[in-house]
N, C-alpha and C. Protein backbone atom coordinates (compact mmCIF):
# COMPACT_ATOMS: atom_id res chain seq x y z
N MET A 1 -43.99 -33.29 99.88
CA MET A 1 -44.23 -32.26 98.59
C MET A 1 -43.81 -31.20 99.66
N LYS A 2 -44.36 -30.77 100.94
CA LYS A 2 -44.00 -29.64 101.36
C LYS A 2 -42.29 -29.28 101.98
N LYS A 3 -42.14 -30.43 102.56
CA LYS A 3 -40.57 -30.82 102.66
C LYS A 3 -39.76 -30.49 101.73
N VAL A 4 -40.02 -30.83 100.58
CA VAL A 4 -39.20 -30.74 99.35
C VAL A 4 -39.41 -29.30 98.61
N PHE A 5 -40.29 -28.76 98.88
CA PHE A 5 -40.80 -26.76 98.68
C PHE A 5 -40.07 -26.66 100.11
N ALA A 6 -39.98 -26.53 100.98
CA ALA A 6 -39.18 -25.80 102.04
C ALA A 6 -37.48 -26.29 101.75
N PHE A 7 -37.09 -27.34 101.55
CA PHE A 7 -35.64 -27.39 101.17
C PHE A 7 -35.13 -26.71 100.04
N PHE A 8 -36.11 -26.50 98.41
CA PHE A 8 -35.80 -26.00 97.63
C PHE A 8 -35.99 -24.49 97.96
N PHE A 9 -36.69 -23.63 98.51
CA PHE A 9 -36.79 -22.44 99.01
C PHE A 9 -35.71 -22.18 99.93
N SER A 10 -35.37 -23.03 100.48
CA SER A 10 -34.20 -22.65 101.64
C SER A 10 -32.69 -22.45 100.93
N LEU A 11 -32.78 -23.50 99.77
CA LEU A 11 -31.79 -23.44 98.97
C LEU A 11 -31.46 -21.63 98.15
N LEU A 12 -32.39 -22.03 97.25
CA LEU A 12 -32.66 -20.91 96.60
C LEU A 12 -32.51 -19.36 97.47
N ALA A 13 -32.94 -19.03 98.59
CA ALA A 13 -32.79 -18.12 100.09
C ALA A 13 -31.35 -18.08 100.11
N PHE A 14 -30.76 -19.48 100.29
CA PHE A 14 -29.26 -19.45 101.02
C PHE A 14 -28.31 -18.93 99.70
N THR A 15 -28.55 -19.08 98.62
CA THR A 15 -27.80 -19.08 97.40
C THR A 15 -27.93 -17.33 97.03
N ALA A 16 -28.80 -16.68 97.02
CA ALA A 16 -29.43 -15.58 97.05
C ALA A 16 -28.54 -14.64 97.72
N MET A 17 -28.16 -15.18 99.24
CA MET A 17 -27.71 -14.35 100.49
C MET A 17 -26.44 -14.28 100.00
N ALA A 18 -25.75 -15.97 99.61
CA ALA A 18 -24.35 -16.15 98.98
C ALA A 18 -23.86 -15.07 98.45
N GLN A 19 -24.33 -14.96 97.07
CA GLN A 19 -24.09 -13.81 95.84
C GLN A 19 -24.15 -12.11 96.52
N GLN A 20 -24.86 -12.13 97.51
CA GLN A 20 -24.88 -10.63 97.95
C GLN A 20 -23.82 -10.20 98.56
N ASP A 21 -22.95 -11.74 99.44
CA ASP A 21 -21.75 -11.35 100.07
C ASP A 21 -20.67 -10.93 99.35
N LYS A 22 -20.30 -9.57 98.77
CA LYS A 22 -19.70 -9.43 98.39
C LYS A 22 -17.95 -9.74 98.83
N ALA A 23 -17.71 -9.67 99.79
CA ALA A 23 -16.19 -10.36 100.51
C ALA A 23 -16.16 -12.06 99.56
N SER A 24 -16.69 -12.49 99.00
CA SER A 24 -16.17 -13.83 98.92
C SER A 24 -16.69 -13.95 97.35
N ARG A 25 -16.70 -12.70 96.28
CA ARG A 25 -16.50 -12.88 95.03
C ARG A 25 -15.16 -12.80 94.59
N PRO A 26 -14.72 -13.71 93.63
CA PRO A 26 -13.28 -13.51 92.82
C PRO A 26 -12.51 -12.43 93.13
N SER A 27 -13.31 -11.30 92.51
CA SER A 27 -12.79 -9.64 93.00
C SER A 27 -13.45 -9.19 94.45
N PRO A 28 -12.61 -9.14 95.40
CA PRO A 28 -13.32 -8.78 96.58
C PRO A 28 -13.47 -7.07 96.37
N PRO A 29 -14.02 -6.85 97.13
CA PRO A 29 -14.43 -5.37 97.21
C PRO A 29 -13.05 -4.75 98.10
N ALA A 30 -12.51 -3.50 98.33
CA ALA A 30 -11.58 -2.86 98.63
C ALA A 30 -11.68 -1.49 98.98
N GLN A 31 -11.25 -0.84 99.87
CA GLN A 31 -11.55 0.58 99.86
C GLN A 31 -10.02 1.04 100.32
N ALA A 32 -9.84 2.32 99.61
CA ALA A 32 -8.13 3.37 100.11
C ALA A 32 -9.10 4.39 100.25
N LYS A 33 -7.95 4.91 101.65
CA LYS A 33 -8.89 5.85 102.10
C LYS A 33 -7.60 6.98 102.59
N ALA A 34 -7.69 8.15 103.06
CA ALA A 34 -6.45 8.99 103.34
C ALA A 34 -6.86 10.25 103.59
N THR A 35 -6.45 11.25 104.45
CA THR A 35 -6.62 12.47 104.80
C THR A 35 -5.62 13.20 104.51
N VAL A 36 -5.97 14.06 103.32
CA VAL A 36 -4.73 15.41 102.47
C VAL A 36 -4.78 16.19 103.14
N GLY A 37 -4.20 16.82 104.16
CA GLY A 37 -4.02 17.98 104.59
C GLY A 37 -5.71 17.79 105.52
N SER A 38 -6.46 18.93 105.32
CA SER A 38 -8.01 18.69 106.18
C SER A 38 -9.27 17.90 104.87
N LYS A 39 -8.53 17.49 103.72
CA LYS A 39 -9.40 16.77 102.52
C LYS A 39 -9.15 15.26 102.96
N THR A 40 -10.50 14.37 102.47
CA THR A 40 -10.89 13.21 102.47
C THR A 40 -10.80 12.97 101.57
N ILE A 41 -9.96 11.60 101.02
CA ILE A 41 -9.99 11.24 99.47
C ILE A 41 -10.56 9.55 99.94
N THR A 42 -11.78 9.03 99.21
CA THR A 42 -11.82 7.58 99.62
C THR A 42 -12.30 6.88 98.06
N ILE A 43 -11.79 5.92 98.25
CA ILE A 43 -11.43 5.25 96.37
C ILE A 43 -12.39 3.68 97.17
N ASP A 44 -13.38 3.38 96.45
CA ASP A 44 -13.97 2.35 96.91
C ASP A 44 -14.10 1.41 95.50
N TYR A 45 -13.36 0.25 95.39
CA TYR A 45 -13.01 -0.59 94.31
C TYR A 45 -13.16 -1.98 94.42
N SER A 46 -12.99 -2.56 93.52
CA SER A 46 -12.93 -4.05 93.51
C SER A 46 -11.40 -4.47 93.43
N GLN A 47 -10.95 -6.05 93.69
CA GLN A 47 -9.39 -5.97 93.61
C GLN A 47 -9.37 -7.78 92.76
N PRO A 48 -9.40 -7.31 91.34
CA PRO A 48 -9.55 -8.65 90.58
C PRO A 48 -7.58 -9.17 90.83
N ALA A 49 -7.46 -10.45 90.64
CA ALA A 49 -6.39 -10.95 90.59
C ALA A 49 -5.68 -11.65 89.17
N VAL A 50 -4.61 -11.36 88.93
CA VAL A 50 -3.57 -11.67 88.00
C VAL A 50 -4.26 -13.32 87.64
N LYS A 51 -4.06 -13.94 88.49
CA LYS A 51 -3.92 -15.57 88.02
C LYS A 51 -3.69 -15.72 86.94
N GLY A 52 -2.56 -15.69 86.56
CA GLY A 52 -1.41 -15.90 85.59
C GLY A 52 -1.54 -16.10 84.28
N ARG A 53 -2.63 -14.78 83.84
CA ARG A 53 -3.39 -13.97 83.14
C ARG A 53 -1.97 -12.98 82.63
N ASN A 54 -2.31 -12.29 81.51
CA ASN A 54 -1.39 -11.24 81.16
C ASN A 54 -2.77 -10.23 80.90
N VAL A 55 -2.68 -9.59 81.95
CA VAL A 55 -3.98 -8.45 82.24
C VAL A 55 -3.94 -7.53 81.11
N TRP A 56 -3.00 -7.18 80.65
CA TRP A 56 -2.55 -5.84 79.56
C TRP A 56 -3.00 -6.57 78.24
N ASP A 57 -3.08 -7.37 77.93
CA ASP A 57 -3.11 -8.26 76.39
C ASP A 57 -4.73 -8.03 75.68
N PRO A 58 -4.74 -7.18 75.05
CA PRO A 58 -6.50 -6.82 74.00
C PRO A 58 -6.92 -7.80 73.91
N ALA A 59 -6.12 -9.26 73.59
CA ALA A 59 -7.07 -10.32 73.21
C ALA A 59 -7.49 -10.74 75.04
N GLY A 60 -6.88 -11.10 76.14
CA GLY A 60 -7.53 -10.85 77.46
C GLY A 60 -8.73 -10.23 77.81
N LYS A 61 -9.01 -8.99 77.31
CA LYS A 61 -10.22 -8.19 77.44
C LYS A 61 -10.10 -8.08 79.35
N ILE A 62 -9.52 -8.25 79.99
CA ILE A 62 -9.05 -7.71 81.52
C ILE A 62 -9.07 -6.32 81.65
N ALA A 63 -7.67 -5.87 81.44
CA ALA A 63 -7.47 -4.25 81.03
C ALA A 63 -6.42 -4.10 80.11
N PRO A 64 -6.99 -4.09 79.03
CA PRO A 64 -6.29 -3.83 77.66
C PRO A 64 -5.84 -2.96 77.51
N TYR A 65 -4.54 -2.38 76.79
CA TYR A 65 -3.73 -1.06 76.74
C TYR A 65 -4.51 -0.67 75.61
N GLY A 66 -4.57 0.72 76.18
CA GLY A 66 -5.41 1.47 74.81
C GLY A 66 -7.20 1.61 75.07
N GLN A 67 -7.35 0.52 76.22
CA GLN A 67 -9.26 0.64 76.23
C GLN A 67 -9.37 1.18 77.36
N VAL A 68 -10.88 1.76 77.70
CA VAL A 68 -11.01 2.30 78.86
C VAL A 68 -10.79 0.93 79.56
N TRP A 69 -10.96 1.20 81.02
CA TRP A 69 -11.15 0.08 82.53
C TRP A 69 -11.86 0.95 83.25
N ARG A 70 -12.48 -0.32 83.85
CA ARG A 70 -13.20 0.12 85.36
C ARG A 70 -12.08 0.79 86.21
N THR A 71 -11.13 0.15 85.78
CA THR A 71 -9.89 0.79 87.24
C THR A 71 -10.32 -0.72 88.37
N GLY A 72 -10.34 -1.91 88.19
CA GLY A 72 -10.55 -2.62 89.08
C GLY A 72 -11.62 -3.56 88.72
N ALA A 73 -12.78 -4.31 89.25
CA ALA A 73 -13.32 -5.56 88.57
C ALA A 73 -15.18 -4.93 89.03
N ASN A 74 -16.29 -5.87 89.02
CA ASN A 74 -17.20 -5.63 89.28
C ASN A 74 -18.12 -3.94 89.07
N GLU A 75 -18.20 -3.56 90.26
CA GLU A 75 -19.20 -2.46 89.96
C GLU A 75 -17.87 -1.51 89.29
N THR A 76 -18.39 -0.40 88.74
CA THR A 76 -17.16 0.82 88.41
C THR A 76 -16.78 1.29 90.13
N THR A 77 -15.29 1.42 89.74
CA THR A 77 -14.61 2.42 91.00
C THR A 77 -15.15 3.52 91.27
N ALA A 78 -15.38 4.13 92.47
CA ALA A 78 -15.68 5.03 92.50
C ALA A 78 -14.72 6.35 93.88
N ILE A 79 -14.20 7.09 93.49
CA ILE A 79 -13.55 8.37 93.83
C ILE A 79 -14.39 9.66 94.46
N ASP A 80 -14.35 9.72 96.16
CA ASP A 80 -14.90 10.72 96.69
C ASP A 80 -14.37 11.53 96.94
N PHE A 81 -14.56 12.72 97.24
CA PHE A 81 -13.69 13.83 97.26
C PHE A 81 -14.24 14.87 98.50
N SER A 82 -13.95 14.89 99.55
CA SER A 82 -14.71 15.68 100.92
C SER A 82 -14.93 17.34 100.41
N ASP A 83 -13.83 17.67 99.80
CA ASP A 83 -13.92 18.92 99.63
C ASP A 83 -13.24 18.99 97.92
N ASP A 84 -13.36 20.34 97.67
CA ASP A 84 -12.55 20.90 96.13
C ASP A 84 -11.03 20.16 96.31
N VAL A 85 -10.70 19.56 95.22
CA VAL A 85 -9.08 19.70 95.07
C VAL A 85 -8.19 19.73 93.66
N LYS A 86 -7.51 19.47 93.75
CA LYS A 86 -6.37 19.64 92.44
C LYS A 86 -6.30 18.51 92.29
N LEU A 87 -6.33 17.94 90.91
CA LEU A 87 -5.42 16.45 90.55
C LEU A 87 -5.05 16.81 89.25
N GLU A 88 -3.82 16.13 89.73
CA GLU A 88 -2.50 16.42 88.72
C GLU A 88 -2.69 18.27 88.36
N GLY A 89 -3.11 18.74 89.51
CA GLY A 89 -2.83 20.46 89.39
C GLY A 89 -4.58 21.03 88.50
N LYS A 90 -4.91 19.93 88.06
CA LYS A 90 -6.39 20.75 87.62
C LYS A 90 -7.90 20.51 88.37
N ASP A 91 -8.41 21.48 88.82
CA ASP A 91 -9.45 21.78 89.51
C ASP A 91 -10.67 20.63 89.41
N VAL A 92 -10.95 20.11 90.68
CA VAL A 92 -12.12 19.12 91.01
C VAL A 92 -12.93 19.64 92.03
N PRO A 93 -14.40 19.94 91.47
CA PRO A 93 -15.04 20.22 92.81
C PRO A 93 -15.46 18.81 93.85
N LYS A 94 -15.75 19.24 94.65
CA LYS A 94 -15.82 18.09 95.72
C LYS A 94 -17.25 17.19 95.21
N GLY A 95 -16.70 15.99 95.33
CA GLY A 95 -18.10 15.01 95.35
C GLY A 95 -17.60 13.59 94.93
N LYS A 96 -18.53 12.72 94.28
CA LYS A 96 -17.96 11.50 94.33
C LYS A 96 -17.79 11.37 92.35
N TYR A 97 -17.29 10.65 92.01
CA TYR A 97 -17.00 10.28 90.56
C TYR A 97 -16.70 9.14 90.35
N ALA A 98 -17.23 8.30 89.06
CA ALA A 98 -16.62 6.98 88.60
C ALA A 98 -14.91 7.60 88.10
N LEU A 99 -14.34 6.31 88.68
CA LEU A 99 -12.72 6.32 88.10
C LEU A 99 -11.69 5.45 87.15
N PHE A 100 -12.00 5.72 86.07
CA PHE A 100 -11.84 5.27 84.76
C PHE A 100 -10.39 5.21 84.41
N THR A 101 -9.64 4.29 83.72
CA THR A 101 -8.36 4.73 83.34
C THR A 101 -8.39 4.16 81.77
N ILE A 102 -7.50 4.69 81.14
CA ILE A 102 -6.88 3.97 80.06
C ILE A 102 -5.26 3.50 79.94
N PRO A 103 -4.97 2.63 80.50
CA PRO A 103 -3.74 1.84 80.64
C PRO A 103 -3.12 1.87 79.30
N GLY A 104 -1.77 1.79 79.69
CA GLY A 104 -0.82 2.13 78.87
C GLY A 104 0.67 1.45 78.85
N GLU A 105 1.60 0.94 78.05
CA GLU A 105 2.66 0.74 78.33
C GLU A 105 3.99 1.50 79.10
N LYS A 106 3.87 2.73 78.59
CA LYS A 106 4.47 4.09 78.98
C LYS A 106 3.65 4.74 79.41
N GLU A 107 2.17 5.29 79.42
CA GLU A 107 1.19 6.55 79.97
C GLU A 107 0.01 5.50 80.18
N TRP A 108 -1.04 6.37 81.58
CA TRP A 108 -1.93 5.97 81.70
C TRP A 108 -2.98 7.18 81.72
N ILE A 109 -3.94 7.12 81.12
CA ILE A 109 -4.68 8.45 81.07
C ILE A 109 -5.60 7.89 82.36
N ILE A 110 -5.89 8.96 83.08
CA ILE A 110 -6.81 9.07 84.42
C ILE A 110 -7.85 9.90 83.90
N ILE A 111 -8.83 9.21 84.31
CA ILE A 111 -10.52 9.51 84.28
C ILE A 111 -10.94 9.79 85.18
N LEU A 112 -11.95 10.91 85.75
CA LEU A 112 -12.98 10.94 86.20
C LEU A 112 -14.07 10.86 85.34
N ASN A 113 -15.22 10.54 85.96
CA ASN A 113 -16.62 10.53 84.94
C ASN A 113 -17.82 10.93 85.87
N LYS A 114 -18.68 11.15 85.47
CA LYS A 114 -19.90 11.92 86.20
C LYS A 114 -20.85 10.60 86.36
N THR A 115 -20.90 9.36 85.82
CA THR A 115 -21.52 8.25 85.73
C THR A 115 -20.94 6.85 86.66
N ILE A 116 -21.59 6.77 87.65
CA ILE A 116 -21.29 5.48 88.41
C ILE A 116 -22.00 4.59 88.34
N LYS A 117 -21.93 3.62 87.78
CA LYS A 117 -22.49 2.36 87.05
C LYS A 117 -21.44 0.99 87.32
N TRP A 118 -22.01 -0.11 86.89
CA TRP A 118 -21.70 -1.40 86.93
C TRP A 118 -20.54 -1.44 85.78
N GLY A 119 -18.98 -1.61 85.76
CA GLY A 119 -18.09 -1.73 85.35
C GLY A 119 -17.49 -0.33 84.08
N ALA A 120 -17.44 -0.69 82.83
CA ALA A 120 -17.42 0.61 82.20
C ALA A 120 -18.06 0.66 80.92
N PHE A 121 -19.07 -0.80 81.11
CA PHE A 121 -19.95 -0.70 80.05
C PHE A 121 -20.85 0.25 79.49
N SER A 122 -21.22 1.44 80.50
CA SER A 122 -22.06 2.43 80.31
C SER A 122 -21.07 3.85 80.07
N TYR A 123 -19.67 3.80 80.12
CA TYR A 123 -18.83 5.03 80.21
C TYR A 123 -19.21 5.38 78.84
N LYS A 124 -18.84 7.15 78.97
CA LYS A 124 -19.43 7.80 78.17
C LYS A 124 -18.30 9.11 77.84
N GLN A 125 -17.85 8.76 77.28
CA GLN A 125 -16.34 10.03 77.19
C GLN A 125 -17.00 11.63 77.49
N ASP A 126 -18.21 11.86 76.80
CA ASP A 126 -18.52 13.65 77.00
C ASP A 126 -19.14 13.38 78.53
N GLU A 127 -19.00 12.64 79.50
CA GLU A 127 -19.30 12.84 80.71
C GLU A 127 -18.25 13.09 81.72
N ASP A 128 -16.78 13.16 80.92
CA ASP A 128 -15.75 13.07 81.87
C ASP A 128 -15.85 14.15 82.48
N VAL A 129 -15.25 14.40 83.50
CA VAL A 129 -15.08 15.97 84.36
C VAL A 129 -13.59 16.30 84.15
N LEU A 130 -12.76 15.06 84.08
CA LEU A 130 -11.59 15.58 84.21
C LEU A 130 -10.55 14.01 83.08
N ARG A 131 -9.42 14.51 82.52
CA ARG A 131 -8.46 13.60 81.88
C ARG A 131 -7.25 14.10 81.95
N VAL A 132 -6.53 13.42 83.01
CA VAL A 132 -5.10 13.79 82.69
C VAL A 132 -4.32 12.04 82.05
N THR A 133 -2.92 12.51 81.91
CA THR A 133 -2.35 11.41 81.34
C THR A 133 -0.71 11.69 82.50
N VAL A 134 -0.69 10.30 83.22
CA VAL A 134 0.65 10.31 83.79
C VAL A 134 1.49 9.01 83.14
N PRO A 135 3.08 8.94 83.40
CA PRO A 135 3.68 8.21 83.57
C PRO A 135 3.20 6.40 84.39
N ALA A 136 3.63 5.49 82.99
CA ALA A 136 3.42 4.25 83.57
C ALA A 136 4.69 3.56 83.95
N LYS A 137 4.76 2.81 85.28
CA LYS A 137 6.35 2.68 85.33
C LYS A 137 5.85 0.95 85.94
N LYS A 138 7.46 0.14 85.62
CA LYS A 138 7.10 -0.99 85.95
C LYS A 138 7.62 -1.04 87.92
N ALA A 139 6.50 -2.10 88.36
CA ALA A 139 6.37 -1.93 89.68
C ALA A 139 7.61 -2.43 90.27
N LYS A 140 7.76 -1.98 91.66
CA LYS A 140 9.01 -2.53 92.48
C LYS A 140 9.17 -3.90 92.56
N SER A 141 7.48 -4.76 92.69
CA SER A 141 7.64 -5.97 93.28
C SER A 141 6.24 -6.31 92.13
N PHE A 142 5.67 -7.48 91.90
CA PHE A 142 4.81 -8.15 91.20
C PHE A 142 4.03 -7.94 92.26
N THR A 143 2.56 -7.86 91.40
CA THR A 143 1.37 -7.57 92.61
C THR A 143 -0.03 -8.18 91.67
N GLU A 144 -0.26 -9.41 93.27
CA GLU A 144 -0.88 -9.97 92.53
C GLU A 144 -2.67 -9.67 92.38
N LYS A 145 -2.76 -9.07 93.56
CA LYS A 145 -4.43 -8.15 93.30
C LYS A 145 -4.31 -6.83 93.12
N PHE A 146 -5.08 -6.38 92.50
CA PHE A 146 -5.14 -5.01 91.81
C PHE A 146 -5.30 -4.05 93.47
N THR A 147 -4.42 -3.13 92.94
CA THR A 147 -4.39 -2.34 94.20
C THR A 147 -4.09 -0.88 94.69
N ILE A 148 -5.12 -0.07 95.42
CA ILE A 148 -5.19 1.24 95.19
C ILE A 148 -4.53 1.63 96.53
N ASP A 149 -3.25 2.63 96.55
CA ASP A 149 -2.96 3.12 97.95
C ASP A 149 -2.87 4.94 97.52
N ILE A 150 -2.94 5.32 98.79
CA ILE A 150 -3.21 6.83 99.21
C ILE A 150 -2.15 7.10 99.87
N THR A 151 -1.07 7.88 99.77
CA THR A 151 -0.01 8.44 101.03
C THR A 151 -0.82 9.77 101.36
N PRO A 152 -0.36 9.98 102.45
CA PRO A 152 -0.41 11.14 103.44
C PRO A 152 -0.27 12.62 102.47
N LYS A 153 0.63 12.32 101.49
CA LYS A 153 1.02 13.79 100.75
C LYS A 153 -0.28 13.24 99.23
N GLY A 154 -1.28 12.64 99.65
CA GLY A 154 -1.76 12.85 98.25
C GLY A 154 -1.47 12.15 96.60
N VAL A 155 -0.82 11.30 97.10
CA VAL A 155 -0.13 10.22 95.98
C VAL A 155 -0.70 8.68 95.86
N VAL A 156 -1.69 8.96 94.66
CA VAL A 156 -2.75 7.64 94.61
C VAL A 156 -2.06 6.79 93.53
N SER A 157 -1.74 5.84 93.81
CA SER A 157 -1.17 4.95 93.64
C SER A 157 -1.91 3.44 92.72
N LEU A 158 -2.01 3.21 91.80
CA LEU A 158 -2.70 2.05 91.01
C LEU A 158 -1.73 1.06 90.69
N THR A 159 -1.62 0.33 91.42
CA THR A 159 -0.66 -0.93 90.91
C THR A 159 -1.28 -2.42 90.91
N TRP A 160 -1.20 -3.14 89.54
CA TRP A 160 -1.45 -4.42 89.08
C TRP A 160 0.06 -5.08 88.44
N ALA A 161 0.05 -6.70 88.71
CA ALA A 161 0.92 -7.36 87.65
C ALA A 161 2.11 -6.56 87.88
N ASP A 162 2.73 -6.03 86.99
CA ASP A 162 4.18 -5.32 86.78
C ASP A 162 4.02 -4.03 86.71
N ALA A 163 3.06 -3.34 86.96
CA ALA A 163 3.07 -1.79 86.45
C ALA A 163 2.39 -0.97 87.42
N THR A 164 2.57 0.63 87.43
CA THR A 164 2.05 1.15 88.25
C THR A 164 2.00 2.28 88.05
N ALA A 165 0.75 3.03 87.81
CA ALA A 165 0.46 4.47 87.64
C ALA A 165 0.04 5.38 88.99
N SER A 166 0.60 6.33 89.15
CA SER A 166 0.50 7.43 89.91
C SER A 166 -0.31 8.74 89.99
N PHE A 167 -1.20 9.50 90.76
CA PHE A 167 -1.44 10.97 90.24
C PHE A 167 -1.57 11.57 91.51
N THR A 168 -1.51 13.09 91.51
CA THR A 168 -1.72 13.54 92.83
C THR A 168 -2.75 14.05 93.37
N VAL A 169 -3.05 14.08 94.02
CA VAL A 169 -4.23 15.17 94.97
C VAL A 169 -4.14 15.71 96.10
N LYS A 170 -4.43 17.21 95.85
CA LYS A 170 -3.86 18.33 96.47
C LYS A 170 -5.24 18.89 97.27
């Protein structure tokens, strides 16, 4: 009986440890980081994959056009500024924010929000620090995994499937 108990306890401990290994998730963690001038921008997010789905379709509920999206998968995407910045010309105090978006066929709304929690389930518009609208474009090539890039000039690009949207941080 003790051997059976020990086996099940070991199995339970192994399962718990495996679930905490974020790299083994279907949407693994990723980070985009760049220094723009003297300011550092860090974005922590998870990378969902298209996997043959129409990610923008409202019926699929992955990242539907016209609805708030956590801009990645798993935990809410977090963007951190080491100093005060201007995002698309609007002032943003240094700090860490949730990065939400509202994807659209022709434009995306970029949202910085005070609350960083799991997903977009607890999103509250009255906690927005900033909202800007940027054009959406057809990506140069198909991107299977959602990807965020930051150039040294502060252009942050969000690319997934056949779409890309960018905003500038200075």
